[in-house]
Amino acid sequence: MSNWVNDDNQAWKRTKSAKSITKDKVIASWYRQLDELNKSIANREVDKRYPTPAETDQMVKIAASIDKLERSYNFAMYHQAIDELTDFLTMRDQQAAAIVSKYALDFLKAKSRKLNG
């Protein structure tokens, strides 16, 4: 373990850093970027308080990234919870697990359609 921590390629530090980056932190950072862009635009002369094409492009891309991350994260959370529930049920009652699994699959398909537009 100590060899891994002290390794020159910094694998341990990258792994440790990656675990501290959460969806909420990434999204908060993107919202801060949008806020900075908006502040920059608001601080311009009155007749120039509109985004440049490049700024508009940045704003659209950031907003799309937020939306995409939230949708994929939400689906993953549903999927994980259902997996855990069916594992729990399988250990206690396989018939109940089979019934719940069928409905859970239908639920996930419906969620996927809703989250993907």
Foldseek 3Di string as FASTA:
>chain_A
DVCQCPPPVNPVVVVVVVVVDDLVNVLVVLVVVVVVLQVVLVPDPPVRSDDDPVSVVSNVVSVVVNLVSVLVVVLVVLVVVLVVVLVVCCVPPVVVSVVSVVVSVVVSVVSVVVSVD
